Every structure is written in C-alpha cells, then in structure tokens.
Amino acid sequence: MSPQEISQRINQLDREKSELMKCAESKCKRKCAGKLPNSPKVSYWCKRLRLFDRIRKHKITPLKDPRNLHRSCKVLAKDCSDMEILQPNDYTLEEVEARIIAIKDQLEAICLLEADFNWLNKLIFAHRLETHCRLHGLTPPEQFAKSKSCCEEASLIKNLTTDGGRILHNSSAITSNDFDQCYDRGCAPISGLAARAHGVSRQSTQLMLQTMQSMDYFIKTGFGISEEPVFGGSSQLGSKLMGFGQGSGAAPGGMQNIVTLVDNAYKRLGHGMAATSSISGRIFLLAAIIY
C-alpha cells in the first residue's frame, strides 16, 4: 500500500468523523437535555481501537487460532453497523496502523485530572519552575510565552526585525510554525531530561510522567462516558502514553523546557540572525520568536 493510498484512507476516516460530529451536534441542538435517542455509544470507538490493535498484533505475529479474533470482528460489526469493520484478512498492516492513528486522533480530548495532582503540577512546573528559570536566566530571550510578557512584544520584535532587514537590504525570511497538539506529543524521555536540565528534581519529574502514563483515561462526549478505559495502565494496548495531557498544569512548563533545548541547539548550529545596536554596539542573537 503506497503512502498516498494510506493518506487517502486517513482522510476518508477523518471525513467519517466529521460527519458523525455534525450528526451529534444537530441532535444536541434538537434535544439539549436527557439521553440522545438512537445515538452511537462512545464505547464503540474504544472497542474499535482495541480490536484494530489486536489485528495489528495478529498481522505482526499470526495467532495459532484466530477464530476468537474473527468472531470479535463479526460481533462488533453487527453491534455497530454505522462503522465499517471487516475481517482481519481484508486489511493490510498499513491499513490497520492508519486506522489506529486516525481513531486516536479522533479521541483526543481535554484531560480532567484529579484536583490535588493537577494542583501539584501547577505548583512545581508552573510557579516554582517559572521563578527558578527567571532568576537563573534559563529562559531564552526568544521565549515570549512567560510571565511578565505578552504577545504584543513578540509581534513588535518580528516587525522590528523585518523592518531592519528591509532598511539594510538584507535577505531574510520568517517562517510561521505551529507545534500542532504539542501538549499531547511531548515524548516522556525527552520531557524528563528537559525538566531535569532546568532544575526539577528527579522525584517530581517521575511523579508527573509516571502518573500520566499509568492512570486510566475515560472518554466523555455528548453520547455519554465510555464504559471501559480507552488508554492507560489497565487498557492493555501494549505501549505507554506519551505527552503532558491537554489540561494538565505541567503542560505549559514542560513544553517550554523542551522548546528551550530546541532553541539553544538551533542557535548552537549557527542559525538565526544577529543584530548590532547602533548606540551601545551590543550584539543581539535571535533564533526564533516563540509564543
């Protein structure tokens, strides 16, 4: 299966998700209270994810007796007729992996964490870490998403940079990059190293990352709450979760640690621009404008 066909398949699954979301939105508008009649359960999405994960393992290491797997496909296809579910032999490994990725993207949500745990995350990775980085000069000047700063300053620096290049007739370019869903994509080993590099203790780092990886996550939508955990320690999906979690108090500070390391490495490779003050002769190095 070519990469183009895999991309087309993922786009098709995204269109199916959009149609389902539009249907759910229209039903919620017609009936604002009570259970929605004849609506699919969110647990079907969880069951589909588990089933495709079993099929993926079967494709990698064939089962000696796959009859239970075939039976599970038939049962889920009968219970959830709105979602296409075929037999394992009808899928390739690339198709199964594409479906798993698409379903996980559709199940992304805001994490409602336990109050005391999230309060501790904010205390360590927001208040104390921000103060520590400011006192010791660990936050790079390119970072404007910090306390006592605002987005207007980042916009002003961008305008001054481009105006200076235009006046001096220097060739320059600015690219706008968005770390899409960055809070869900922070790799735990790199996140832990970045936190330790900024002075967070080993115990605090382990507490945050191991808890996020081992807890159970339930999905709540307009259709209700999933009956079984979708991700987490007891979901048995074969791999630990990565990322800080949308809604976690440790997410902004944790991602800022990673971005700081990336920015320093970028400058160390010689990228960015240098500007000299006309009054003091001071040299300013600017690799990015981060907000």
Protein backbone atom coordinates (compact mmCIF):
# COMPACT_ATOMS: atom_id res chain seq x y z
CA MET A 1 0.00 0.00 0.00
CA SER A 2 1.57 3.28 -1.11
CA PRO A 3 1.91 6.30 1.22
CA GLN A 4 -0.56 8.18 -0.98
CA GLU A 5 -3.19 5.46 -0.52
CA ILE A 6 -2.59 5.47 3.25
CA SER A 7 -3.06 9.25 3.28
CA GLN A 8 -6.29 8.93 1.29
CA ARG A 9 -7.55 6.31 3.73
CA ILE A 10 -6.79 8.54 6.72
CA ASN A 11 -8.59 11.45 5.02
CA GLN A 12 -11.60 9.20 4.46
CA LEU A 13 -11.68 8.30 8.14
CA ASP A 14 -11.45 11.98 9.03
CA ARG A 15 -14.44 12.71 6.81
CA GLU A 16 -16.40 9.95 8.55
CA LYS A 17 -15.51 11.51 11.91
CA SER A 18 -16.65 14.95 10.71
CA GLU A 19 -19.99 13.55 9.52
CA LEU A 20 -20.52 11.82 12.88
CA MET A 21 -19.69 15.01 14.77
CA LYS A 22 -22.13 17.02 12.64
CA CYS A 23 -24.82 14.43 13.31
CA ALA A 24 -24.14 14.59 17.04
CA GLU A 25 -24.21 18.39 17.02
CA SER A 26 -27.57 18.50 15.21
CA LYS A 27 -29.08 16.02 17.69
CA CYS A 28 -27.77 18.02 20.64
CA LYS A 29 -29.40 21.15 19.22
CA ARG A 30 -32.75 19.40 18.92
CA LYS A 31 -32.56 17.81 22.35
CA CYS A 32 -30.47 19.64 24.92
CA ALA A 33 -31.33 17.51 27.97
CA GLY A 34 -31.54 13.79 28.59
CA LYS A 35 -30.08 10.87 26.69
CA LEU A 36 -29.90 11.18 22.93
CA PRO A 37 -32.16 8.61 21.21
CA ASN A 38 -30.59 6.08 18.85
CA SER A 39 -27.13 7.59 19.13
CA PRO A 40 -23.93 5.54 18.89
CA LYS A 41 -22.09 4.94 22.14
CA VAL A 42 -18.62 6.32 22.63
CA SER A 43 -17.61 2.84 23.80
CA TYR A 44 -17.78 1.69 20.18
CA TRP A 45 -14.78 3.89 19.43
CA CYS A 46 -12.89 2.32 22.33
CA LYS A 47 -13.80 -1.19 21.18
CA ARG A 48 -12.75 -0.41 17.62
CA LEU A 49 -9.37 0.80 18.85
CA ARG A 50 -8.84 -2.35 20.91
CA LEU A 51 -9.93 -4.56 18.02
CA PHE A 52 -7.61 -2.92 15.49
CA ASP A 53 -4.75 -3.20 17.97
CA ARG A 54 -5.41 -6.95 18.22
CA ILE A 55 -5.49 -7.18 14.43
CA ARG A 56 -2.19 -5.30 14.22
CA LYS A 57 -0.55 -7.77 16.61
CA HIS A 58 -2.02 -10.63 14.58
CA LYS A 59 -0.53 -9.18 11.39
CA ILE A 60 2.89 -8.92 13.00
CA THR A 61 2.78 -12.29 14.81
CA PRO A 62 0.00 -14.53 13.43
CA LEU A 63 -2.14 -16.26 16.03
CA LYS A 64 -2.30 -20.03 16.07
CA ASP A 65 -6.08 -19.93 16.43
CA PRO A 66 -7.52 -16.61 15.16
CA ARG A 67 -11.15 -17.71 15.45
CA ASN A 68 -11.79 -15.54 18.50
CA LEU A 69 -10.46 -12.54 16.60
CA HIS A 70 -12.73 -13.24 13.63
CA ARG A 71 -15.65 -13.69 16.00
CA SER A 72 -14.92 -10.33 17.67
CA CYS A 73 -14.95 -8.62 14.27
CA LYS A 74 -18.34 -10.11 13.42
CA VAL A 75 -19.86 -9.18 16.79
CA LEU A 76 -18.63 -5.58 16.68
CA ALA A 77 -19.66 -5.19 13.03
CA LYS A 78 -23.16 -6.37 13.97
CA ASP A 79 -23.44 -4.11 17.03
CA CYS A 80 -22.03 -1.07 15.25
CA SER A 81 -23.40 -1.18 11.74
CA ASP A 82 -22.59 2.51 11.09
CA MET A 83 -18.83 1.85 11.23
CA GLU A 84 -17.12 -0.37 8.66
CA ILE A 85 -15.44 -3.36 10.31
CA LEU A 86 -14.09 -6.14 8.09
CA GLN A 87 -12.33 -9.40 8.82
CA PRO A 88 -8.59 -9.36 9.63
CA ASN A 89 -7.70 -10.91 6.28
CA ASP A 90 -9.32 -7.97 4.48
CA TYR A 91 -6.84 -5.48 5.97
CA THR A 92 -3.18 -4.92 5.34
CA LEU A 93 -0.84 -3.97 8.17
CA GLU A 94 -0.57 -0.42 6.77
CA GLU A 95 -4.36 -0.04 6.72
CA VAL A 96 -4.67 -1.24 10.32
CA GLU A 97 -1.97 1.16 11.55
CA ALA A 98 -3.61 4.03 9.64
CA ARG A 99 -6.96 3.27 11.29
CA ILE A 100 -5.35 3.14 14.76
CA ILE A 101 -3.73 6.54 14.20
CA ALA A 102 -6.98 8.02 12.88
CA ILE A 103 -9.05 6.73 15.82
CA LYS A 104 -6.53 8.01 18.36
CA ASP A 105 -6.60 11.44 16.72
CA GLN A 106 -10.42 11.42 16.88
CA LEU A 107 -10.35 10.53 20.59
CA GLU A 108 -8.12 13.45 21.61
CA ALA A 109 -9.72 15.40 24.42
CA ILE A 110 -9.08 17.75 27.31
CA CYS A 111 -7.83 15.85 30.34
CA LEU A 112 -9.79 16.42 33.55
CA LEU A 113 -7.17 15.33 36.06
CA GLU A 114 -7.53 14.73 39.78
CA ALA A 115 -7.57 18.11 41.53
CA ASP A 116 -4.71 17.57 44.01
CA PHE A 117 -2.46 16.03 41.34
CA ASN A 118 -3.09 18.90 38.94
CA TRP A 119 -2.55 21.46 41.72
CA LEU A 120 0.84 19.90 42.43
CA ASN A 121 1.71 20.03 38.72
CA LYS A 122 0.91 23.75 38.64
CA LEU A 123 2.92 24.40 41.81
CA ILE A 124 6.07 22.63 40.56
CA PHE A 125 6.02 23.05 36.77
CA ALA A 126 4.35 26.48 36.59
CA HIS A 127 5.04 28.66 39.62
CA ARG A 128 8.30 27.28 41.02
CA LEU A 129 9.86 26.31 37.67
CA GLU A 130 9.00 29.69 36.11
CA THR A 131 10.53 31.55 39.06
CA HIS A 132 13.64 29.36 39.01
CA CYS A 133 14.20 29.87 35.26
CA ARG A 134 13.72 33.62 35.55
CA LEU A 135 16.15 34.00 38.47
CA HIS A 136 18.89 31.92 36.83
CA GLY A 137 18.43 33.16 33.25
CA LEU A 138 17.44 29.78 31.84
CA THR A 139 14.58 31.10 29.72
CA PRO A 140 15.92 32.27 26.33
CA PRO A 141 15.08 35.81 25.16
CA GLU A 142 13.22 34.31 22.18
CA GLN A 143 10.57 32.92 24.56
CA PHE A 144 7.69 35.36 24.99
CA ALA A 145 5.17 32.89 26.45
CA LYS A 146 6.23 33.59 30.01
CA SER A 147 5.19 35.69 32.96
CA LYS A 148 5.59 39.48 32.71
CA SER A 149 5.45 39.21 28.91
CA CYS A 150 2.70 39.43 26.29
CA CYS A 151 2.05 38.61 22.66
CA GLU A 152 2.38 42.28 21.63
CA GLU A 153 6.09 42.15 22.47
CA ALA A 154 6.60 39.15 20.18
CA SER A 155 4.74 40.92 17.36
CA LEU A 156 6.83 44.08 17.89
CA ILE A 157 10.10 42.15 17.73
CA LYS A 158 9.00 40.50 14.50
CA ASN A 159 8.13 43.85 12.92
CA LEU A 160 11.40 45.45 14.05
CA THR A 161 13.38 42.51 12.67
CA THR A 162 11.75 42.66 9.26
CA ASP A 163 11.99 46.48 9.15
CA GLY A 164 15.69 46.33 9.96
CA GLY A 165 16.33 43.81 7.20
CA ARG A 166 14.35 45.92 4.74
CA ILE A 167 16.26 49.11 5.60
CA LEU A 168 19.68 47.42 5.38
CA HIS A 169 18.65 45.49 2.23
CA ASN A 170 19.47 42.16 3.84
CA SER A 171 17.92 38.97 2.53
CA SER A 172 15.77 37.46 5.24
CA ALA A 173 12.74 35.24 5.65
CA ILE A 174 10.39 34.33 8.51
CA THR A 175 8.51 31.04 8.64
CA SER A 176 5.49 30.54 10.87
CA ASN A 177 5.43 27.10 12.51
CA ASP A 178 2.74 25.71 14.77
CA PHE A 179 3.52 22.87 17.17
CA ASP A 180 0.18 21.22 16.49
CA GLN A 181 -1.15 19.35 19.55
CA CYS A 182 2.24 19.79 21.20
CA TYR A 183 0.97 19.00 24.71
CA ASP A 184 -0.04 15.53 23.50
CA ARG A 185 3.18 14.90 21.60
CA GLY A 186 5.83 15.53 24.25
CA CYS A 187 7.95 12.37 24.42
CA ALA A 188 8.33 11.28 28.05
CA PRO A 189 12.11 10.53 27.99
CA ILE A 190 12.90 13.88 26.35
CA SER A 191 10.43 15.67 28.65
CA GLY A 192 12.09 14.15 31.70
CA LEU A 193 15.59 15.14 30.54
CA ALA A 194 14.42 18.68 29.76
CA ALA A 195 12.81 19.05 33.18
CA ARG A 196 15.92 17.76 34.95
CA ALA A 197 18.09 20.15 32.90
CA HIS A 198 16.02 23.06 34.21
CA GLY A 199 16.40 22.02 37.85
CA VAL A 200 13.26 19.93 38.52
CA SER A 201 14.01 17.13 40.99
CA ARG A 202 14.01 13.52 39.86
CA GLN A 203 11.14 12.65 42.23
CA SER A 204 8.89 15.43 40.89
CA THR A 205 9.66 14.51 37.29
CA GLN A 206 8.91 10.83 37.86
CA LEU A 207 5.73 11.65 39.76
CA MET A 208 4.29 13.65 36.88
CA LEU A 209 5.37 11.44 33.96
CA GLN A 210 4.71 8.03 35.52
CA THR A 211 1.30 9.11 36.79
CA MET A 212 0.28 10.39 33.35
CA GLN A 213 1.44 7.13 31.78
CA SER A 214 -0.13 4.70 34.24
CA MET A 215 -3.53 6.26 35.02
CA ASP A 216 -6.70 5.18 33.21
CA TYR A 217 -8.44 7.57 30.82
CA PHE A 218 -12.18 7.54 30.13
CA ILE A 219 -13.74 9.45 27.24
CA LYS A 220 -16.78 11.67 27.86
CA THR A 221 -18.78 13.11 24.96
CA GLY A 222 -22.37 14.12 24.28
CA PHE A 223 -23.14 10.42 23.95
CA GLY A 224 -22.01 9.62 27.50
CA ILE A 225 -18.94 8.24 29.27
CA SER A 226 -17.03 5.23 27.98
CA GLU A 227 -17.70 2.05 29.92
CA GLU A 228 -14.05 0.98 29.87
CA PRO A 229 -10.80 2.97 29.91
CA VAL A 230 -9.59 3.93 26.45
CA PHE A 231 -5.93 4.48 27.33
CA GLY A 232 -3.82 3.94 30.38
CA GLY A 233 -2.28 1.35 32.63
CA SER A 234 -5.12 -1.21 32.56
CA SER A 235 -6.20 -0.74 28.92
CA GLN A 236 -3.53 -3.25 27.75
CA LEU A 237 -2.86 -1.51 24.45
CA GLY A 238 0.78 -2.52 24.51
CA SER A 239 2.53 0.84 24.88
CA LYS A 240 2.73 3.64 27.42
CA LEU A 241 1.19 7.02 26.73
CA MET A 242 3.33 10.00 25.85
CA GLY A 243 2.59 13.67 26.27
CA PHE A 244 1.71 16.03 29.11
CA GLY A 245 -2.04 15.98 28.50
CA GLN A 246 -4.26 18.86 27.45
CA GLY A 247 -5.47 20.50 30.65
CA SER A 248 -2.51 19.48 32.79
CA GLY A 249 -0.88 22.17 34.89
CA ALA A 250 2.53 20.76 33.95
CA ALA A 251 1.96 21.02 30.19
CA PRO A 252 2.98 24.69 29.57
CA GLY A 253 6.13 24.49 31.69
CA GLY A 254 7.07 21.05 30.41
CA MET A 255 6.72 22.10 26.78
CA GLN A 256 8.66 25.30 27.46
CA ASN A 257 11.56 23.18 28.74
CA ILE A 258 11.64 21.18 25.50
CA VAL A 259 11.38 24.31 23.33
CA THR A 260 14.26 25.91 25.26
CA LEU A 261 16.53 22.97 24.46
CA VAL A 262 15.47 23.06 20.81
CA ASP A 263 16.10 26.81 20.61
CA ASN A 264 19.54 26.54 22.21
CA ALA A 265 20.50 23.71 19.84
CA TYR A 266 19.25 25.75 16.89
CA LYS A 267 21.44 28.71 17.87
CA ARG A 268 24.40 26.44 18.59
CA LEU A 269 24.23 25.21 14.97
CA GLY A 270 24.63 28.81 13.78
CA HIS A 271 21.06 29.51 12.70
CA GLY A 272 19.11 32.69 13.37
CA MET A 273 20.18 36.32 12.98
CA ALA A 274 22.49 38.78 14.69
CA ALA A 275 21.70 42.49 15.16
CA THR A 276 24.06 45.19 16.45
CA SER A 277 22.81 48.16 18.44
CA SER A 278 23.77 51.47 16.82
CA ILE A 279 24.18 53.19 20.22
CA SER A 280 25.87 50.66 22.51
CA GLY A 281 27.31 48.31 19.91
CA ARG A 282 25.74 45.37 21.71
CA ILE A 283 25.12 42.25 19.61
CA PHE A 284 21.71 40.60 19.84
CA LEU A 285 21.28 36.98 18.73
CA LEU A 286 17.76 35.97 17.74
CA ALA A 287 16.97 32.47 16.54
CA ALA A 288 13.17 32.48 16.76
CA ILE A 289 10.15 34.29 18.14
CA ILE A 290 8.38 31.81 20.39
CA TYR A 291 4.88 32.32 21.70
